[in-house]
Amino acid sequence: MREVRALLDLMRENKTRAQEMAALCASVLRLASHHLTILDPEVGEEELIKAVAAEVAKLPALSRSV
């Protein structure tokens, strides 16, 4: 859980760089969502799931094709 929160914090702190690497950031967040129990919609932490979804939504549409 701390790792995911740290990743989200880093993305927020380095917004410009995260936008430049949008496809990579989106890919990392999607992989985390698929492989981490804490991000599982059925048993995960709702607040963290929403935070990850919000960050993915902020990334440019280009990254969604990855």
Protein backbone atom coordinates (compact mmCIF):
# COMPACT_ATOMS: atom_id res chain seq x y z
CA MET A 1 0.00 0.00 0.00
CA ARG A 2 2.78 2.46 0.87
CA GLU A 3 4.44 1.79 -2.45
CA VAL A 4 1.32 2.65 -4.45
CA ARG A 5 0.76 5.80 -2.41
CA ALA A 6 4.42 6.75 -2.90
CA LEU A 7 4.08 6.24 -6.66
CA LEU A 8 0.99 8.46 -6.76
CA ASP A 9 2.78 11.12 -4.69
CA LEU A 10 5.77 11.06 -7.03
CA MET A 11 3.51 11.41 -10.05
CA ARG A 12 1.79 14.43 -8.46
CA GLU A 13 5.07 16.04 -7.43
CA ASN A 14 6.56 15.52 -10.88
CA LYS A 15 3.43 16.25 -12.89
CA THR A 16 5.26 17.58 -15.96
CA ARG A 17 7.57 14.59 -16.19
CA ALA A 18 4.69 12.18 -15.54
CA GLN A 19 2.77 13.77 -18.40
CA GLU A 20 5.80 13.35 -20.68
CA MET A 21 5.91 9.66 -19.74
CA ALA A 22 2.13 9.23 -19.67
CA ALA A 23 2.06 5.88 -21.43
CA LEU A 24 4.63 4.40 -19.05
CA CYS A 25 2.88 5.78 -15.96
CA ALA A 26 -0.50 4.50 -17.13
CA SER A 27 1.01 1.10 -17.87
CA VAL A 28 2.57 0.86 -14.40
CA LEU A 29 -0.71 1.84 -12.72
CA ARG A 30 -2.70 -0.65 -14.82
CA LEU A 31 -0.27 -3.46 -14.03
CA ALA A 32 -0.46 -2.60 -10.34
CA SER A 33 -4.25 -2.66 -10.53
CA HIS A 34 -4.21 -6.13 -12.03
CA HIS A 35 -1.58 -7.67 -9.75
CA LEU A 36 -1.98 -6.06 -6.33
CA THR A 37 -4.72 -7.32 -4.03
CA ILE A 38 -5.00 -3.90 -2.42
CA LEU A 39 -6.19 -2.54 -5.78
CA ASP A 40 -8.65 -5.37 -6.43
CA PRO A 41 -12.14 -3.81 -6.71
CA GLU A 42 -13.70 -6.63 -4.70
CA VAL A 43 -11.31 -6.79 -1.74
CA GLY A 44 -9.01 -3.79 -2.11
CA GLU A 45 -8.86 -0.43 -0.42
CA GLU A 46 -11.54 1.76 -1.99
CA GLU A 47 -9.73 5.06 -1.37
CA LEU A 48 -6.54 3.82 -3.00
CA ILE A 49 -8.42 2.32 -5.95
CA LYS A 50 -10.12 5.68 -6.55
CA ALA A 51 -6.79 7.52 -6.27
CA VAL A 52 -5.18 5.27 -8.89
CA ALA A 53 -8.18 5.64 -11.22
CA ALA A 54 -8.07 9.43 -10.82
CA GLU A 55 -4.38 9.57 -11.72
CA VAL A 56 -4.87 7.37 -14.78
CA ALA A 57 -7.74 9.62 -15.88
CA LYS A 58 -5.45 12.68 -15.68
CA LEU A 59 -2.97 11.20 -18.13
CA PRO A 60 -3.32 12.19 -21.80
CA ALA A 61 -5.59 10.11 -24.02
CA LEU A 62 -2.51 8.88 -25.89
CA SER A 63 -1.53 6.72 -22.93
CA ARG A 64 -4.86 4.91 -22.95
CA SER A 65 -3.95 3.14 -26.17
CA VAL A 66 -1.05 1.32 -24.47
